[in-house]
Amino acid sequence: MNRLSLFLSLVILFGCSSIHFQSSHAIPSSFNYENIKGKEVSLKVTEPFYMWGIVPKERIVEVDKVFVKKGFSSVSDIKIKEIDTVKKGLWMFFTFGMYYPQSFEISGYVN
């Protein structure tokens, strides 16, 4: 029993996930607030992780493709915020960390 608890403790301690946000250059995009044009739009992105964040170790989100899917042709002043919700906590609690959703709000000015 001691070995099992030690193993689970180590898995939880070293289980971490990371999300990298980048541009694929599919549309003109800028993180610079000086290039503001158009109206402000906020989009929600959820990326699933499993087994306390161990699987997959890393995810890449191409920010401009998120806006392309919604039909926008350019985006500027991009901001990214992590969203913590009760629903996320419940998923983690009831699945004992086997399912770990990460949600983000990506906002920017679009044309």
PDB file of N, CA and C in Angstrom:
ATOM      1  N   MET A   1       0.824  -1.195   0.000  1.00  0.00           N
ATOM      2  CA  MET A   1       0.000   0.000   0.000  1.00  0.00           C
ATOM      3  C   MET A   1       0.867   1.257   0.000  1.00  0.00           C
ATOM      4  N   ASN A   2       1.985   1.206   0.737  1.00  0.00           N
ATOM      5  CA  ASN A   2       2.891   2.347   0.781  1.00  0.00           C
ATOM      6  C   ASN A   2       3.487   2.653  -0.587  1.00  0.00           C
ATOM      7  N   ARG A   3       3.835   1.618  -1.326  1.00  0.00           N
ATOM      8  CA  ARG A   3       4.421   1.808  -2.655  1.00  0.00           C
ATOM      9  C   ARG A   3       3.409   2.426  -3.614  1.00  0.00           C
ATOM     10  N   LEU A   4       2.164   1.983  -3.500  1.00  0.00           N
ATOM     11  CA  LEU A   4       1.122   2.539  -4.364  1.00  0.00           C
ATOM     12  C   LEU A   4       0.916   4.018  -4.074  1.00  0.00           C
ATOM     13  N   SER A   5       0.846   4.397  -2.806  1.00  0.00           N
ATOM     14  CA  SER A   5       0.658   5.812  -2.487  1.00  0.00           C
ATOM     15  C   SER A   5       1.880   6.638  -2.880  1.00  0.00           C
ATOM     16  N   LEU A   6       3.067   6.083  -2.758  1.00  0.00           N
ATOM     17  CA  LEU A   6       4.264   6.786  -3.198  1.00  0.00           C
ATOM     18  C   LEU A   6       4.235   6.984  -4.709  1.00  0.00           C
ATOM     19  N   PHE A   7       3.872   5.938  -5.446  1.00  0.00           N
ATOM     20  CA  PHE A   7       3.789   6.027  -6.901  1.00  0.00           C
ATOM     21  C   PHE A   7       2.773   7.086  -7.324  1.00  0.00           C
ATOM     22  N   LEU A   8       1.581   7.062  -6.739  1.00  0.00           N
ATOM     23  CA  LEU A   8       0.549   8.042  -7.087  1.00  0.00           C
ATOM     24  C   LEU A   8       0.979   9.461  -6.722  1.00  0.00           C
ATOM     25  N   SER A   9       1.656   9.615  -5.614  1.00  0.00           N
ATOM     26  CA  SER A   9       2.150  10.938  -5.216  1.00  0.00           C
ATOM     27  C   SER A   9       3.161  11.465  -6.224  1.00  0.00           C
ATOM     28  N   LEU A  10       4.067  10.607  -6.667  1.00  0.00           N
ATOM     29  CA  LEU A  10       5.063  11.020  -7.657  1.00  0.00           C
ATOM     30  C   LEU A  10       4.422  11.363  -8.992  1.00  0.00           C
ATOM     31  N   VAL A  11       3.437  10.576  -9.409  1.00  0.00           N
ATOM     32  CA  VAL A  11       2.741  10.853 -10.671  1.00  0.00           C
ATOM     33  C   VAL A  11       2.055  12.210 -10.603  1.00  0.00           C
ATOM     34  N   ILE A  12       1.395  12.486  -9.497  1.00  0.00           N
ATOM     35  CA  ILE A  12       0.694  13.761  -9.352  1.00  0.00           C
ATOM     36  C   ILE A  12       1.686  14.923  -9.281  1.00  0.00           C
ATOM     37  N   LEU A  13       2.804  14.739  -8.595  1.00  0.00           N
ATOM     38  CA  LEU A  13       3.799  15.807  -8.487  1.00  0.00           C
ATOM     39  C   LEU A  13       4.449  16.135  -9.824  1.00  0.00           C
ATOM     40  N   PHE A  14       4.750  15.107 -10.606  1.00  0.00           N
ATOM     41  CA  PHE A  14       5.460  15.329 -11.855  1.00  0.00           C
ATOM     42  C   PHE A  14       4.539  15.420 -13.064  1.00  0.00           C
ATOM     43  N   GLY A  15       3.263  15.222 -12.869  1.00  0.00           N
ATOM     44  CA  GLY A  15       2.311  15.335 -13.961  1.00  0.00           C
ATOM     45  C   GLY A  15       1.984  16.793 -14.215  1.00  0.00           C
ATOM     46  N   CYS A  16       2.445  17.295 -15.321  1.00  0.00           N
ATOM     47  CA  CYS A  16       2.123  18.680 -15.644  1.00  0.00           C
ATOM     48  C   CYS A  16       1.900  18.786 -17.144  1.00  0.00           C
ATOM     49  N   SER A  17       1.066  19.719 -17.490  1.00  0.00           N
ATOM     50  CA  SER A  17       0.744  19.920 -18.892  1.00  0.00           C
ATOM     51  C   SER A  17       1.152  21.329 -19.284  1.00  0.00           C
ATOM     52  N   SER A  18       1.349  21.524 -20.559  1.00  0.00           N
ATOM     53  CA  SER A  18       1.636  22.873 -21.032  1.00  0.00           C
ATOM     54  C   SER A  18       0.942  23.101 -22.360  1.00  0.00           C
ATOM     55  N   ILE A  19       0.505  24.322 -22.525  1.00  0.00           N
ATOM     56  CA  ILE A  19      -0.130  24.732 -23.772  1.00  0.00           C
ATOM     57  C   ILE A  19       0.690  25.886 -24.328  1.00  0.00           C
ATOM     58  N   HIS A  20       1.073  25.767 -25.581  1.00  0.00           N
ATOM     59  CA  HIS A  20       1.825  26.820 -26.254  1.00  0.00           C
ATOM     60  C   HIS A  20       0.909  27.491 -27.266  1.00  0.00           C
ATOM     61  N   PHE A  21       0.824  28.797 -27.180  1.00  0.00           N
ATOM     62  CA  PHE A  21       0.024  29.575 -28.119  1.00  0.00           C
ATOM     63  C   PHE A  21       0.976  30.193 -29.128  1.00  0.00           C
ATOM     64  N   GLN A  22       0.651  30.004 -30.410  1.00  0.00           N
ATOM     65  CA  GLN A  22       1.494  30.544 -31.468  1.00  0.00           C
ATOM     66  C   GLN A  22       0.650  30.900 -32.677  1.00  0.00           C
ATOM     67  N   SER A  23       1.283  31.516 -33.655  1.00  0.00           N
ATOM     68  CA  SER A  23       0.601  31.886 -34.893  1.00  0.00           C
ATOM     69  C   SER A  23       1.072  30.980 -36.019  1.00  0.00           C
ATOM     70  N   SER A  24       0.143  30.607 -36.880  1.00  0.00           N
ATOM     71  CA  SER A  24       0.506  29.820 -38.062  1.00  0.00           C
ATOM     72  C   SER A  24       0.617  30.720 -39.288  1.00  0.00           C
ATOM     73  N   HIS A  25       0.389  32.002 -39.112  1.00  0.00           N
ATOM     74  CA  HIS A  25       0.422  33.010 -40.177  1.00  0.00           C
ATOM     75  C   HIS A  25      -0.639  32.755 -41.244  1.00  0.00           C
ATOM     76  N   ALA A  26      -1.754  32.145 -40.857  1.00  0.00           N
ATOM     77  CA  ALA A  26      -2.865  31.920 -41.789  1.00  0.00           C
ATOM     78  C   ALA A  26      -3.554  33.238 -42.130  1.00  0.00           C
ATOM     79  N   ILE A  27      -3.597  34.151 -41.173  1.00  0.00           N
ATOM     80  CA  ILE A  27      -4.147  35.495 -41.382  1.00  0.00           C
ATOM     81  C   ILE A  27      -3.212  36.488 -40.701  1.00  0.00           C
ATOM     82  N   PRO A  28      -3.289  37.773 -41.080  1.00  0.00           N
ATOM     83  CA  PRO A  28      -2.484  38.763 -40.358  1.00  0.00           C
ATOM     84  C   PRO A  28      -2.903  38.802 -38.889  1.00  0.00           C
ATOM     85  N   SER A  29      -1.954  38.623 -37.987  1.00  0.00           N
ATOM     86  CA  SER A  29      -2.265  38.632 -36.559  1.00  0.00           C
ATOM     87  C   SER A  29      -1.159  39.361 -35.807  1.00  0.00           C
ATOM     88  N   SER A  30      -1.563  40.011 -34.705  1.00  0.00           N
ATOM     89  CA  SER A  30      -0.617  40.802 -33.938  1.00  0.00           C
ATOM     90  C   SER A  30      -1.015  40.811 -32.470  1.00  0.00           C
ATOM     91  N   PHE A  31      -0.032  40.733 -31.595  1.00  0.00           N
ATOM     92  CA  PHE A  31      -0.272  40.865 -30.160  1.00  0.00           C
ATOM     93  C   PHE A  31      -0.101  42.325 -29.726  1.00  0.00           C
ATOM     94  N   ASN A  32       0.169  43.206 -30.672  1.00  0.00           N
ATOM     95  CA  ASN A  32       0.459  44.604 -30.413  1.00  0.00           C
ATOM     96  C   ASN A  32      -0.826  45.421 -30.332  1.00  0.00           C
ATOM     97  N   TYR A  33      -1.010  46.160 -29.246  1.00  0.00           N
ATOM     98  CA  TYR A  33      -2.225  46.953 -29.083  1.00  0.00           C
ATOM     99  C   TYR A  33      -2.255  48.173 -30.002  1.00  0.00           C
ATOM    100  N   GLU A  34      -1.133  48.553 -30.589  1.00  0.00           N
ATOM    101  CA  GLU A  34      -1.098  49.719 -31.476  1.00  0.00           C
ATOM    102  C   GLU A  34      -1.747  49.432 -32.828  1.00  0.00           C
ATOM    103  N   ASN A  35      -1.952  48.169 -33.160  1.00  0.00           N
ATOM    104  CA  ASN A  35      -2.540  47.798 -34.450  1.00  0.00           C
ATOM    105  C   ASN A  35      -4.031  47.515 -34.350  1.00  0.00           C
ATOM    106  N   ILE A  36      -4.717  48.110 -33.381  1.00  0.00           N
ATOM    107  CA  ILE A  36      -6.133  47.815 -33.153  1.00  0.00           C
ATOM    108  C   ILE A  36      -6.985  48.315 -34.313  1.00  0.00           C
ATOM    109  N   LYS A  37      -7.763  47.396 -34.879  1.00  0.00           N
ATOM    110  CA  LYS A  37      -8.708  47.714 -35.955  1.00  0.00           C
ATOM    111  C   LYS A  37      -9.915  46.817 -35.779  1.00  0.00           C
ATOM    112  N   GLY A  38     -11.111  47.331 -36.059  1.00  0.00           N
ATOM    113  CA  GLY A  38     -12.309  46.493 -36.033  1.00  0.00           C
ATOM    114  C   GLY A  38     -12.952  46.400 -34.667  1.00  0.00           C
ATOM    115  N   LYS A  39     -13.742  45.331 -34.491  1.00  0.00           N
ATOM    116  CA  LYS A  39     -14.483  45.142 -33.233  1.00  0.00           C
ATOM    117  C   LYS A  39     -13.829  44.061 -32.386  1.00  0.00           C
ATOM    118  N   GLU A  40     -14.075  44.145 -31.068  1.00  0.00           N
ATOM    119  CA  GLU A  40     -13.486  43.166 -30.153  1.00  0.00           C
ATOM    120  C   GLU A  40     -14.343  41.908 -30.099  1.00  0.00           C
ATOM    121  N   VAL A  41     -13.676  40.753 -30.163  1.00  0.00           N
ATOM    122  CA  VAL A  41     -14.349  39.453 -30.134  1.00  0.00           C
ATOM    123  C   VAL A  41     -13.612  38.564 -29.139  1.00  0.00           C
ATOM    124  N   SER A  42     -14.373  37.771 -28.376  1.00  0.00           N
ATOM    125  CA  SER A  42     -13.785  36.797 -27.451  1.00  0.00           C
ATOM    126  C   SER A  42     -14.239  35.396 -27.833  1.00  0.00           C
ATOM    127  N   LEU A  43     -13.294  34.471 -27.908  1.00  0.00           N
ATOM    128  CA  LEU A  43     -13.587  33.084 -28.261  1.00  0.00           C
ATOM    129  C   LEU A  43     -13.070  32.167 -27.154  1.00  0.00           C
ATOM    130  N   LYS A  44     -13.802  31.088 -26.896  1.00  0.00           N
ATOM    131  CA  LYS A  44     -13.410  30.134 -25.857  1.00  0.00           C
ATOM    132  C   LYS A  44     -12.787  28.900 -26.506  1.00  0.00           C
ATOM    133  N   VAL A  45     -11.668  28.468 -25.947  1.00  0.00           N
ATOM    134  CA  VAL A  45     -10.956  27.281 -26.419  1.00  0.00           C
ATOM    135  C   VAL A  45     -10.773  26.343 -25.231  1.00  0.00           C
ATOM    136  N   THR A  46     -11.122  25.068 -25.402  1.00  0.00           N
ATOM    137  CA  THR A  46     -10.911  24.070 -24.357  1.00  0.00           C
ATOM    138  C   THR A  46     -10.031  22.955 -24.905  1.00  0.00           C
ATOM    139  N   GLU A  47      -8.969  22.659 -24.186  1.00  0.00           N
ATOM    140  CA  GLU A  47      -8.046  21.587 -24.559  1.00  0.00           C
ATOM    141  C   GLU A  47      -8.076  20.523 -23.468  1.00  0.00           C
ATOM    142  N   PRO A  48      -8.344  19.270 -23.829  1.00  0.00           N
ATOM    143  CA  PRO A  48      -8.398  18.212 -22.815  1.00  0.00           C
ATOM    144  C   PRO A  48      -7.015  17.615 -22.518  1.00  0.00           C
ATOM    145  N   PHE A  49      -6.786  17.347 -21.246  1.00  0.00           N
ATOM    146  CA  PHE A  49      -5.605  16.611 -20.805  1.00  0.00           C
ATOM    147  C   PHE A  49      -6.091  15.428 -19.984  1.00  0.00           C
ATOM    148  N   TYR A  50      -5.265  14.403 -19.891  1.00  0.00           N
ATOM    149  CA  TYR A  50      -5.649  13.180 -19.195  1.00  0.00           C
ATOM    150  C   TYR A  50      -4.553  12.771 -18.224  1.00  0.00           C
ATOM    151  N   MET A  51      -4.919  11.943 -17.268  1.00  0.00           N
ATOM    152  CA  MET A  51      -3.993  11.372 -16.286  1.00  0.00           C
ATOM    153  C   MET A  51      -3.165  12.448 -15.589  1.00  0.00           C
ATOM    154  N   TRP A  52      -3.842  13.347 -14.891  1.00  0.00           N
ATOM    155  CA  TRP A  52      -3.231  14.418 -14.101  1.00  0.00           C
ATOM    156  C   TRP A  52      -2.398  15.367 -14.948  1.00  0.00           C
ATOM    157  N   GLY A  53      -2.704  15.492 -16.218  1.00  0.00           N
ATOM    158  CA  GLY A  53      -1.967  16.393 -17.089  1.00  0.00           C
ATOM    159  C   GLY A  53      -0.748  15.786 -17.740  1.00  0.00           C
ATOM    160  N   ILE A  54      -0.573  14.476 -17.592  1.00  0.00           N
ATOM    161  CA  ILE A  54       0.599  13.822 -18.179  1.00  0.00           C
ATOM    162  C   ILE A  54       0.416  13.602 -19.676  1.00  0.00           C
ATOM    163  N   VAL A  55      -0.802  13.309 -20.106  1.00  0.00           N
ATOM    164  CA  VAL A  55      -1.084  12.989 -21.507  1.00  0.00           C
ATOM    165  C   VAL A  55      -2.014  14.042 -22.080  1.00  0.00           C
ATOM    166  N   PRO A  56      -1.743  14.684 -23.160  1.00  0.00           N
ATOM    167  CA  PRO A  56      -0.422  14.824 -23.771  1.00  0.00           C
ATOM    168  C   PRO A  56       0.410  15.798 -22.957  1.00  0.00           C
ATOM    169  N   LYS A  57       1.683  15.684 -23.054  1.00  0.00           N
ATOM    170  CA  LYS A  57       2.584  16.536 -22.275  1.00  0.00           C
ATOM    171  C   LYS A  57       2.489  17.990 -22.730  1.00  0.00           C
ATOM    172  N   GLU A  58       2.258  18.186 -24.024  1.00  0.00           N
ATOM    173  CA  GLU A  58       2.244  19.534 -24.585  1.00  0.00           C
ATOM    174  C   GLU A  58       1.183  19.643 -25.673  1.00  0.00           C
ATOM    175  N   ARG A  59       0.492  20.756 -25.713  1.00  0.00           N
ATOM    176  CA  ARG A  59      -0.464  21.053 -26.787  1.00  0.00           C
ATOM    177  C   ARG A  59      -0.081  22.386 -27.402  1.00  0.00           C
ATOM    178  N   ILE A  60      -0.311  22.499 -28.695  1.00  0.00           N
ATOM    179  CA  ILE A  60      -0.050  23.755 -29.399  1.00  0.00           C
ATOM    180  C   ILE A  60      -1.372  24.274 -29.936  1.00  0.00           C
ATOM    181  N   VAL A  61      -1.690  25.522 -29.588  1.00  0.00           N
ATOM    182  CA  VAL A  61      -2.898  26.176 -30.084  1.00  0.00           C
ATOM    183  C   VAL A  61      -2.451  27.284 -31.027  1.00  0.00           C
ATOM    184  N   GLU A  62      -2.865  27.187 -32.283  1.00  0.00           N
ATOM    185  CA  GLU A  62      -2.553  28.230 -33.258  1.00  0.00           C
ATOM    186  C   GLU A  62      -3.678  29.260 -33.201  1.00  0.00           C
ATOM    187  N   VAL A  63      -3.371  30.381 -32.564  1.00  0.00           N
ATOM    188  CA  VAL A  63      -4.366  31.395 -32.229  1.00  0.00           C
ATOM    189  C   VAL A  63      -5.076  31.925 -33.467  1.00  0.00           C
ATOM    190  N   ASP A  64      -4.340  32.200 -34.522  1.00  0.00           N
ATOM    191  CA  ASP A  64      -4.985  32.767 -35.707  1.00  0.00           C
ATOM    192  C   ASP A  64      -5.955  31.785 -36.358  1.00  0.00           C
ATOM    193  N   LYS A  65      -5.676  30.489 -36.275  1.00  0.00           N
ATOM    194  CA  LYS A  65      -6.603  29.500 -36.846  1.00  0.00           C
ATOM    195  C   LYS A  65      -7.917  29.437 -36.069  1.00  0.00           C
ATOM    196  N   VAL A  66      -7.880  29.763 -34.773  1.00  0.00           N
ATOM    197  CA  VAL A  66      -9.109  29.832 -33.983  1.00  0.00           C
ATOM    198  C   VAL A  66     -10.015  30.922 -34.553  1.00  0.00           C
ATOM    199  N   PHE A  67      -9.433  32.055 -34.930  1.00  0.00           N
ATOM    200  CA  PHE A  67     -10.211  33.153 -35.505  1.00  0.00           C
ATOM    201  C   PHE A  67     -10.633  32.852 -36.943  1.00  0.00           C
ATOM    202  N   VAL A  68      -9.793  32.146 -37.699  1.00  0.00           N
ATOM    203  CA  VAL A  68     -10.144  31.769 -39.078  1.00  0.00           C
ATOM    204  C   VAL A  68     -11.373  30.872 -39.086  1.00  0.00           C
ATOM    205  N   LYS A  69     -11.463  29.931 -38.138  1.00  0.00           N
ATOM    206  CA  LYS A  69     -12.617  29.025 -38.067  1.00  0.00           C
ATOM    207  C   LYS A  69     -13.921  29.780 -37.862  1.00  0.00           C
ATOM    208  N   LYS A  70     -13.842  30.953 -37.253  1.00  0.00           N
ATOM    209  CA  LYS A  70     -15.039  31.777 -37.030  1.00  0.00           C
ATOM    210  C   LYS A  70     -15.271  32.761 -38.169  1.00  0.00           C
ATOM    211  N   GLY A  71     -14.414  32.738 -39.201  1.00  0.00           N
ATOM    212  CA  GLY A  71     -14.632  33.545 -40.395  1.00  0.00           C
ATOM    213  C   GLY A  71     -13.989  34.920 -40.398  1.00  0.00           C
ATOM    214  N   PHE A  72     -13.027  35.171 -39.524  1.00  0.00           N
ATOM    215  CA  PHE A  72     -12.381  36.480 -39.478  1.00  0.00           C
ATOM    216  C   PHE A  72     -11.130  36.482 -40.348  1.00  0.00           C
ATOM    217  N   SER A  73     -10.798  37.668 -40.914  1.00  0.00           N
ATOM    218  CA  SER A  73      -9.680  37.744 -41.850  1.00  0.00           C
ATOM    219  C   SER A  73      -8.411  38.343 -41.246  1.00  0.00           C
ATOM    220  N   SER A  74      -8.507  38.975 -40.084  1.00  0.00           N
ATOM    221  CA  SER A  74      -7.318  39.469 -39.389  1.00  0.00           C
ATOM    222  C   SER A  74      -7.657  39.677 -37.919  1.00  0.00           C
ATOM    223  N   VAL A  75      -6.633  39.684 -37.081  1.00  0.00           N
ATOM    224  CA  VAL A  75      -6.838  39.875 -35.640  1.00  0.00           C
ATOM    225  C   VAL A  75      -5.636  40.629 -35.068  1.00  0.00           C
ATOM    226  N   SER A  76      -5.923  41.561 -34.155  1.00  0.00           N
ATOM    227  CA  SER A  76      -4.850  42.308 -33.503  1.00  0.00           C
ATOM    228  C   SER A  76      -5.153  42.448 -32.019  1.00  0.00           C
ATOM    229  N   ASP A  77      -4.164  42.863 -31.258  1.00  0.00           N
ATOM    230  CA  ASP A  77      -4.257  43.019 -29.804  1.00  0.00           C
ATOM    231  C   ASP A  77      -4.808  41.747 -29.157  1.00  0.00           C
ATOM    232  N   ILE A  78      -4.167  40.626 -29.446  1.00  0.00           N
ATOM    233  CA  ILE A  78      -4.614  39.325 -28.942  1.00  0.00           C
ATOM    234  C   ILE A  78      -4.287  39.207 -27.452  1.00  0.00           C
ATOM    235  N   LYS A  79      -5.291  38.780 -26.682  1.00  0.00           N
ATOM    236  CA  LYS A  79      -5.119  38.551 -25.243  1.00  0.00           C
ATOM    237  C   LYS A  79      -5.619  37.151 -24.919  1.00  0.00           C
ATOM    238  N   ILE A  80      -4.925  36.467 -24.022  1.00  0.00           N
ATOM    239  CA  ILE A  80      -5.285  35.099 -23.644  1.00  0.00           C
ATOM    240  C   ILE A  80      -5.435  35.036 -22.129  1.00  0.00           C
ATOM    241  N   LYS A  81      -6.588  34.512 -21.674  1.00  0.00           N
ATOM    242  CA  LYS A  81      -6.850  34.361 -20.234  1.00  0.00           C
ATOM    243  C   LYS A  81      -7.299  32.938 -19.958  1.00  0.00           C
ATOM    244  N   GLU A  82      -6.798  32.363 -18.880  1.00  0.00           N
ATOM    245  CA  GLU A  82      -7.262  31.035 -18.470  1.00  0.00           C
ATOM    246  C   GLU A  82      -8.591  31.182 -17.741  1.00  0.00           C
ATOM    247  N   ILE A  83      -9.507  30.251 -18.005  1.00  0.00           N
ATOM    248  CA  ILE A  83     -10.823  30.264 -17.380  1.00  0.00           C
ATOM    249  C   ILE A  83     -10.893  29.120 -16.373  1.00  0.00           C
ATOM    250  N   ASP A  84     -11.156  29.460 -15.122  1.00  0.00           N
ATOM    251  CA  ASP A  84     -11.378  28.448 -14.084  1.00  0.00           C
ATOM    252  C   ASP A  84     -12.862  28.403 -13.784  1.00  0.00           C
ATOM    253  N   THR A  85     -13.456  27.229 -13.880  1.00  0.00           N
ATOM    254  CA  THR A  85     -14.886  27.083 -13.628  1.00  0.00           C
ATOM    255  C   THR A  85     -15.133  25.951 -12.635  1.00  0.00           C
ATOM    256  N   VAL A  86     -16.304  25.965 -12.061  1.00  0.00           N
ATOM    257  CA  VAL A  86     -16.712  24.884 -11.164  1.00  0.00           C
ATOM    258  C   VAL A  86     -16.786  23.576 -11.945  1.00  0.00           C
ATOM    259  N   LYS A  87     -17.251  23.661 -13.187  1.00  0.00           N
ATOM    260  CA  LYS A  87     -17.373  22.465 -14.033  1.00  0.00           C
ATOM    261  C   LYS A  87     -16.012  21.780 -14.210  1.00  0.00           C
ATOM    262  N   LYS A  88     -14.968  22.579 -14.424  1.00  0.00           N
ATOM    263  CA  LYS A  88     -13.612  22.034 -14.570  1.00  0.00           C
ATOM    264  C   LYS A  88     -13.196  21.309 -13.291  1.00  0.00           C
ATOM    265  N   GLY A  89     -13.453  21.938 -12.156  1.00  0.00           N
ATOM    266  CA  GLY A  89     -13.120  21.321 -10.876  1.00  0.00           C
ATOM    267  C   GLY A  89     -13.878  20.035 -10.633  1.00  0.00           C
ATOM    268  N   LEU A  90     -15.148  20.006 -11.018  1.00  0.00           N
ATOM    269  CA  LEU A  90     -15.951  18.794 -10.848  1.00  0.00           C
ATOM    270  C   LEU A  90     -15.437  17.662 -11.729  1.00  0.00           C
ATOM    271  N   TRP A  91     -15.069  17.986 -12.983  1.00  0.00           N
ATOM    272  CA  TRP A  91     -14.500  16.960 -13.870  1.00  0.00           C
ATOM    273  C   TRP A  91     -13.252  16.354 -13.237  1.00  0.00           C
ATOM    274  N   MET A  92     -12.390  17.217 -12.726  1.00  0.00           N
ATOM    275  CA  MET A  92     -11.149  16.722 -12.125  1.00  0.00           C
ATOM    276  C   MET A  92     -11.436  15.891 -10.879  1.00  0.00           C
ATOM    277  N   PHE A  93     -12.391  16.316 -10.070  1.00  0.00           N
ATOM    278  CA  PHE A  93     -12.708  15.618  -8.828  1.00  0.00           C
ATOM    279  C   PHE A  93     -13.329  14.251  -9.092  1.00  0.00           C
ATOM    280  N   PHE A  94     -14.363  14.207  -9.937  1.00  0.00           N
ATOM    281  CA  PHE A  94     -15.087  12.956 -10.138  1.00  0.00           C
ATOM    282  C   PHE A  94     -14.342  11.948 -11.010  1.00  0.00           C
ATOM    283  N   THR A  95     -13.361  12.400 -11.779  1.00  0.00           N
ATOM    284  CA  THR A  95     -12.553  11.452 -12.559  1.00  0.00           C
ATOM    285  C   THR A  95     -11.205  11.190 -11.886  1.00  0.00           C
ATOM    286  N   PHE A  96     -11.031  11.683 -10.664  1.00  0.00           N
ATOM    287  CA  PHE A  96      -9.785  11.518  -9.907  1.00  0.00           C
ATOM    288  C   PHE A  96      -8.570  12.016 -10.691  1.00  0.00           C
ATOM    289  N   GLY A  97      -8.747  13.078 -11.450  1.00  0.00           N
ATOM    290  CA  GLY A  97      -7.655  13.664 -12.214  1.00  0.00           C
ATOM    291  C   GLY A  97      -7.397  13.010 -13.552  1.00  0.00           C
ATOM    292  N   MET A  98      -8.171  11.991 -13.900  1.00  0.00           N
ATOM    293  CA  MET A  98      -7.963  11.309 -15.184  1.00  0.00           C
ATOM    294  C   MET A  98      -8.355  12.202 -16.366  1.00  0.00           C
ATOM    295  N   TYR A  99      -9.301  13.124 -16.171  1.00  0.00           N
ATOM    296  CA  TYR A  99      -9.688  14.076 -17.217  1.00  0.00           C
ATOM    297  C   TYR A  99      -9.491  15.469 -16.654  1.00  0.00           C
ATOM    298  N   TYR A 100      -8.723  16.277 -17.367  1.00  0.00           N
ATOM    299  CA  TYR A 100      -8.339  17.594 -16.877  1.00  0.00           C
ATOM    300  C   TYR A 100      -8.509  18.611 -18.004  1.00  0.00           C
ATOM    301  N   PRO A 101      -9.682  19.229 -18.126  1.00  0.00           N
ATOM    302  CA  PRO A 101      -9.889  20.193 -19.207  1.00  0.00           C
ATOM    303  C   PRO A 101      -9.276  21.554 -18.871  1.00  0.00           C
ATOM    304  N   GLN A 102      -8.599  22.150 -19.827  1.00  0.00           N
ATOM    305  CA  GLN A 102      -8.055  23.497 -19.678  1.00  0.00           C
ATOM    306  C   GLN A 102      -8.811  24.406 -20.636  1.00  0.00           C
ATOM    307  N   SER A 103      -9.394  25.469 -20.117  1.00  0.00           N
ATOM    308  CA  SER A 103     -10.171  26.395 -20.944  1.00  0.00           C
ATOM    309  C   SER A 103      -9.519  27.769 -20.946  1.00  0.00           C
ATOM    310  N   PHE A 104      -9.566  28.403 -22.122  1.00  0.00           N
ATOM    311  CA  PHE A 104      -8.980  29.723 -22.298  1.00  0.00           C
ATOM    312  C   PHE A 104      -9.930  30.607 -23.083  1.00  0.00           C
ATOM    313  N   GLU A 105      -9.858  31.897 -22.789  1.00  0.00           N
ATOM    314  CA  GLU A 105     -10.599  32.886 -23.566  1.00  0.00           C
ATOM    315  C   GLU A 105      -9.568  33.671 -24.364  1.00  0.00           C
ATOM    316  N   ILE A 106      -9.711  33.634 -25.677  1.00  0.00           N
ATOM    317  CA  ILE A 106      -8.809  34.367 -26.557  1.00  0.00           C
ATOM    318  C   ILE A 106      -9.604  35.531 -27.125  1.00  0.00           C
ATOM    319  N   SER A 107      -9.137  36.747 -26.876  1.00  0.00           N
ATOM    320  CA  SER A 107      -9.856  37.917 -27.379  1.00  0.00           C
ATOM    321  C   SER A 107      -8.931  38.755 -28.245  1.00  0.00           C
ATOM    322  N   GLY A 108      -9.539  39.486 -29.148  1.00  0.00           N
ATOM    323  CA  GLY A 108      -8.778  40.352 -30.032  1.00  0.00           C
ATOM    324  C   GLY A 108      -9.707  41.206 -30.869  1.00  0.00           C
ATOM    325  N   TYR A 109      -9.134  42.153 -31.570  1.00  0.00           N
ATOM    326  CA  TYR A 109      -9.899  43.012 -32.472  1.00  0.00           C
ATOM    327  C   TYR A 109      -9.806  42.423 -33.875  1.00  0.00           C
ATOM    328  N   VAL A 110     -10.961  42.210 -34.502  1.00  0.00           N
ATOM    329  CA  VAL A 110     -11.005  41.487 -35.776  1.00  0.00           C
ATOM    330  C   VAL A 110     -11.601  42.331 -36.894  1.00  0.00           C
ATOM    331  N   ASN A 111     -11.302  41.906 -38.112  1.00  0.00           N
ATOM    332  CA  ASN A 111     -11.914  42.471 -39.330  1.00  0.00           C
ATOM    333  C   ASN A 111     -12.653  41.377 -40.044  1.00  0.00           C
TER     334      ASN A 111
END
